[in-house]
Amino acid sequence: MTRIAVVNPNTTASMTTTIGHAARLVAGPGTEIVAVTSSMGPVSIEGYYDEAFALPGLLHEIGKAEHAGMQAAVIACFDDTGLDAARAMVRMPVIGICEAALATASFIAKRFTVVTTMERSRVPIEELVQRYGMAGRARVRAANIAVLALEDPNSGARDRLRNEIVRAIAEDNAEAIVLGCAGMADLAQTLAHEFGMPVIDGVGAAVKQAEALVALGLGTSKRGAYAPPVAKPYLGALAEFAPA
């Protein structure tokens, strides 16, 4: 049995339910998905400020997951919130859904477009596209959707998402679409059928890559960049996060 923790770094439990369902749809029969909601931080992550305050809760949950015997973790935010810190903290593989989605898209399309939520989220994702070596292949678009609006069927968010996909096909010559928010995880199959093209959900992509790493017996390297953090005191409210 492969045990994978899928951690929602925001504090909205209903979004965790959506994310967990999407993860279980693609998980193999021998995989247990444990979907977890962060216990502290913002209700949604929309920009750098939210991301900063999501980190303590996220890292707390990932540490708990490894201690509980999870064999891999997925960070279910398209900003890949706290990914490097989490990898330094634990030995199990930790997968960010942006990195997983871009890698998956690159296997099946030469040019693809990430459609995300708010304009303020577009720039951080563009920086990740650059970091992951996909700048020549991927465009990033914002559909001007508040993250929590994805859960409201009367918000018009899904229509705006569809409209942005239409523009990506017409203006970017996109051969595939990457959904740039974990809250869109349940829409991938419907949109793929509607548009007749690959639509990649980062949650599903990350789960399959986590399964592969566990099957290969690979964990996070503890040499160099992801070496365990140096033991030292942390003061104040962050004292519990001090490296042992």
Protein backbone atom coordinates (compact mmCIF):
# COMPACT_ATOMS: atom_id res chain seq x y z
CA MET A 1 0.00 0.00 0.00
CA THR A 2 1.32 3.42 -1.01
CA ARG A 3 0.24 6.21 1.35
CA ILE A 4 0.22 9.77 0.00
CA ALA A 5 -0.71 12.89 1.95
CA VAL A 6 -2.34 15.58 -0.20
CA VAL A 7 -2.05 18.80 1.78
CA ASN A 8 -4.21 21.83 1.09
CA PRO A 9 -2.15 24.76 2.41
CA ASN A 10 -5.20 26.98 2.82
CA THR A 11 -7.76 26.48 5.58
CA THR A 12 -10.90 25.89 3.50
CA ALA A 13 -11.99 22.33 4.21
CA SER A 14 -14.51 22.18 1.35
CA MET A 15 -11.67 22.81 -1.11
CA THR A 16 -9.74 19.95 0.49
CA THR A 17 -12.73 17.71 -0.22
CA THR A 18 -12.60 18.66 -3.92
CA ILE A 19 -8.84 18.13 -4.02
CA GLY A 20 -9.06 14.76 -2.26
CA HIS A 21 -11.74 13.54 -4.65
CA ALA A 22 -9.62 14.50 -7.67
CA ALA A 23 -6.60 12.74 -6.16
CA ARG A 24 -8.52 9.52 -5.49
CA LEU A 25 -9.93 9.44 -9.03
CA VAL A 26 -6.45 8.95 -10.49
CA ALA A 27 -4.74 7.03 -7.66
CA GLY A 28 -3.92 3.40 -8.29
CA PRO A 29 -5.81 0.63 -6.46
CA GLY A 30 -2.90 0.16 -4.07
CA THR A 31 -2.71 3.84 -3.09
CA GLU A 32 -4.29 5.45 -0.04
CA ILE A 33 -4.90 9.20 -0.36
CA VAL A 34 -5.10 11.17 2.88
CA ALA A 35 -6.33 14.70 2.14
CA VAL A 36 -5.42 17.23 4.82
CA THR A 37 -6.43 20.85 5.45
CA SER A 38 -3.94 23.24 7.01
CA SER A 39 -4.91 24.14 10.56
CA MET A 40 -3.69 27.74 10.37
CA GLY A 41 -3.35 30.42 7.73
CA PRO A 42 -5.45 32.08 5.01
CA VAL A 43 -8.71 30.69 3.65
CA SER A 44 -7.27 31.00 0.14
CA ILE A 45 -3.84 31.74 -1.30
CA GLU A 46 -3.91 34.63 -3.74
CA GLY A 47 -0.49 36.25 -3.99
CA TYR A 48 2.76 36.49 -2.10
CA TYR A 49 1.35 37.75 1.21
CA ASP A 50 -1.12 34.89 1.61
CA GLU A 51 1.60 32.44 0.60
CA ALA A 52 3.94 33.62 3.35
CA PHE A 53 1.37 33.05 6.09
CA ALA A 54 0.35 29.67 4.70
CA LEU A 55 3.83 28.23 5.28
CA PRO A 56 3.74 27.38 9.02
CA GLY A 57 0.47 25.44 8.77
CA LEU A 58 1.60 23.65 5.62
CA LEU A 59 4.95 22.59 7.08
CA HIS A 60 3.27 21.45 10.28
CA GLU A 61 0.96 19.14 8.31
CA ILE A 62 3.75 17.74 6.14
CA GLY A 63 5.86 16.98 9.21
CA LYS A 64 2.89 15.23 10.81
CA ALA A 65 2.28 13.24 7.63
CA GLU A 66 5.79 11.84 7.51
CA HIS A 67 5.67 11.01 11.22
CA ALA A 68 2.38 9.16 10.60
CA GLY A 69 4.00 6.95 7.97
CA MET A 70 3.04 8.70 4.75
CA GLN A 71 5.43 7.83 1.92
CA ALA A 72 5.00 10.99 -0.15
CA ALA A 73 3.27 14.36 0.05
CA VAL A 74 1.59 16.60 -2.52
CA ILE A 75 1.33 20.35 -1.92
CA ALA A 76 -2.05 21.23 -3.42
CA CYS A 77 -1.50 24.88 -4.32
CA PHE A 78 -0.39 25.94 -7.79
CA ASP A 79 2.11 28.43 -6.32
CA ASP A 80 4.05 25.36 -5.09
CA THR A 81 3.80 27.02 -1.70
CA GLY A 82 6.65 26.07 0.64
CA LEU A 83 7.93 23.34 -1.66
CA ASP A 84 11.65 23.82 -1.06
CA ALA A 85 11.22 24.21 2.71
CA ALA A 86 9.13 21.03 2.85
CA ARG A 87 11.71 19.08 0.89
CA ALA A 88 14.43 20.24 3.29
CA MET A 89 12.31 19.19 6.26
CA VAL A 90 11.35 15.62 5.30
CA ARG A 91 12.88 12.62 3.56
CA MET A 92 9.79 11.46 1.69
CA PRO A 93 9.22 12.92 -1.81
CA VAL A 94 7.25 16.17 -1.82
CA ILE A 95 5.58 17.15 -5.10
CA GLY A 96 4.27 20.59 -6.04
CA ILE A 97 1.28 20.59 -8.35
CA CYS A 98 2.65 23.33 -10.62
CA GLU A 99 5.91 21.49 -11.26
CA ALA A 100 4.02 18.21 -11.76
CA ALA A 101 1.47 19.74 -14.14
CA LEU A 102 4.08 21.50 -16.29
CA ALA A 103 6.18 18.34 -16.54
CA THR A 104 3.13 16.31 -17.51
CA ALA A 105 2.03 18.84 -20.13
CA SER A 106 5.51 18.82 -21.65
CA PHE A 107 5.19 15.09 -22.40
CA ILE A 108 2.08 15.54 -24.55
CA ALA A 109 2.17 19.05 -26.05
CA LYS A 110 4.80 21.38 -27.45
CA ARG A 111 2.95 24.56 -26.46
CA PHE A 112 0.47 24.88 -23.61
CA THR A 113 -1.26 27.54 -21.54
CA VAL A 114 -1.75 27.72 -17.79
CA VAL A 115 -5.09 29.31 -16.90
CA THR A 116 -5.10 30.54 -13.31
CA THR A 117 -7.39 32.60 -11.11
CA MET A 118 -6.43 36.20 -10.29
CA GLU A 119 -4.03 38.56 -12.04
CA ARG A 120 -1.98 38.76 -8.84
CA SER A 121 -1.45 34.99 -9.10
CA ARG A 122 -0.28 35.13 -12.71
CA VAL A 123 3.14 36.63 -12.01
CA PRO A 124 4.19 34.08 -9.34
CA ILE A 125 3.19 31.29 -11.73
CA GLU A 126 5.14 32.90 -14.57
CA GLU A 127 8.16 32.87 -12.27
CA LEU A 128 7.64 29.15 -11.64
CA VAL A 129 7.31 28.50 -15.39
CA GLN A 130 10.70 30.20 -15.80
CA ARG A 131 12.21 28.28 -12.88
CA TYR A 132 11.05 24.92 -14.24
CA GLY A 133 12.50 25.60 -17.69
CA MET A 134 9.16 25.92 -19.52
CA ALA A 135 9.28 29.61 -20.47
CA GLY A 136 9.62 28.86 -24.17
CA ARG A 137 6.62 26.53 -24.17
CA ALA A 138 4.08 27.78 -21.64
CA ARG A 139 1.94 30.92 -21.43
CA VAL A 140 0.10 31.97 -18.27
CA ARG A 141 -3.33 33.61 -18.28
CA ALA A 142 -5.54 34.86 -15.46
CA ALA A 143 -9.32 34.47 -15.73
CA ASN A 144 -9.97 37.01 -12.94
CA ILE A 145 -11.63 34.46 -10.68
CA ALA A 146 -11.44 34.60 -6.89
CA VAL A 147 -10.32 31.18 -5.66
CA LEU A 148 -13.32 30.63 -3.41
CA ALA A 149 -15.68 31.62 -6.25
CA LEU A 150 -14.84 28.30 -7.89
CA GLU A 151 -17.00 26.64 -5.23
CA ASP A 152 -20.03 28.84 -5.94
CA PRO A 153 -21.98 27.60 -8.99
CA ASN A 154 -23.69 31.00 -9.29
CA SER A 155 -20.48 33.06 -9.36
CA GLY A 156 -19.85 32.80 -13.11
CA ALA A 157 -16.30 31.64 -12.36
CA ARG A 158 -16.50 28.55 -14.53
CA ASP A 159 -17.78 30.55 -17.50
CA ARG A 160 -14.85 32.96 -17.14
CA LEU A 161 -12.49 29.99 -17.01
CA ARG A 162 -14.01 28.60 -20.22
CA ASN A 163 -13.75 32.00 -21.92
CA GLU A 164 -10.05 32.21 -21.05
CA ILE A 165 -9.45 28.74 -22.47
CA VAL A 166 -11.10 29.84 -25.72
CA ARG A 167 -8.69 32.81 -25.86
CA ALA A 168 -5.71 30.56 -25.08
CA ILE A 169 -6.58 28.32 -28.02
CA ALA A 170 -7.12 31.24 -30.40
CA GLU A 171 -4.31 33.57 -29.31
CA ASP A 172 -1.63 31.24 -27.86
CA ASN A 173 -2.15 28.31 -30.23
CA ALA A 174 -2.32 26.20 -27.07
CA GLU A 175 -2.16 22.46 -27.67
CA ALA A 176 -3.06 21.67 -24.06
CA ILE A 177 -4.44 23.54 -21.07
CA VAL A 178 -3.06 23.39 -17.54
CA LEU A 179 -5.49 24.34 -14.77
CA GLY A 180 -3.61 26.77 -12.55
CA CYS A 181 -5.42 26.28 -9.25
CA ALA A 182 -6.04 23.24 -7.07
CA GLY A 183 -9.65 24.41 -6.70
CA MET A 184 -10.15 23.60 -10.40
CA ALA A 185 -9.15 19.97 -9.91
CA ASP A 186 -12.64 18.59 -10.47
CA LEU A 187 -13.06 20.33 -13.85
CA ALA A 188 -10.28 18.72 -15.89
CA GLN A 189 -12.22 15.82 -17.41
CA THR A 190 -15.27 17.93 -18.26
CA LEU A 191 -13.17 20.63 -19.93
CA ALA A 192 -11.06 18.09 -21.84
CA HIS A 193 -14.23 16.59 -23.30
CA GLU A 194 -15.72 20.01 -24.04
CA PHE A 195 -12.66 21.40 -25.85
CA GLY A 196 -11.39 18.15 -27.37
CA MET A 197 -7.85 18.63 -26.07
CA PRO A 198 -5.72 17.61 -23.08
CA VAL A 199 -6.56 19.49 -19.87
CA ILE A 200 -4.12 18.80 -17.05
CA ASP A 201 -5.02 19.04 -13.37
CA GLY A 202 -1.94 19.44 -11.22
CA VAL A 203 -3.37 17.44 -8.32
CA GLY A 204 -3.80 14.33 -10.46
CA ALA A 205 -0.43 14.83 -12.13
CA ALA A 206 1.30 15.17 -8.75
CA VAL A 207 -0.36 12.05 -7.33
CA LYS A 208 0.82 9.93 -10.27
CA GLN A 209 4.38 11.28 -9.98
CA ALA A 210 4.35 10.66 -6.23
CA GLU A 211 3.26 7.07 -6.85
CA ALA A 212 6.12 6.64 -9.34
CA LEU A 213 8.74 7.95 -6.90
CA VAL A 214 7.50 5.67 -4.12
CA ALA A 215 7.51 2.68 -6.50
CA LEU A 216 11.09 3.50 -7.48
CA GLY A 217 12.12 3.72 -3.83
CA LEU A 218 13.25 7.33 -4.19
CA GLY A 219 13.15 9.96 -1.47
CA THR A 220 14.36 13.53 -1.24
CA SER A 221 18.14 13.90 -1.36
CA LYS A 222 19.61 15.08 1.91
CA ARG A 223 22.81 16.38 0.35
CA GLY A 224 23.21 20.02 -0.61
CA ALA A 225 20.12 22.20 -1.04
CA TYR A 226 17.69 19.82 0.71
CA ALA A 227 20.02 18.84 3.56
CA PRO A 228 18.25 18.89 6.94
CA PRO A 229 18.01 22.40 8.41
CA VAL A 230 20.68 23.38 10.93
CA ALA A 231 19.57 22.89 14.53
CA LYS A 232 19.02 26.23 16.26
CA PRO A 233 16.44 27.93 18.49
CA TYR A 234 13.43 29.67 16.93
CA LEU A 235 11.80 32.28 19.16
CA GLY A 236 8.27 33.46 19.79
CA ALA A 237 5.27 31.94 18.03
CA LEU A 238 7.54 29.92 15.72
CA ALA A 239 9.39 28.10 18.51
CA GLU A 240 7.75 24.76 17.65
CA PHE A 241 9.27 24.88 14.16
CA ALA A 242 12.87 24.97 15.42
CA PRO A 243 14.96 22.24 13.72
CA ALA A 244 15.79 19.44 16.14
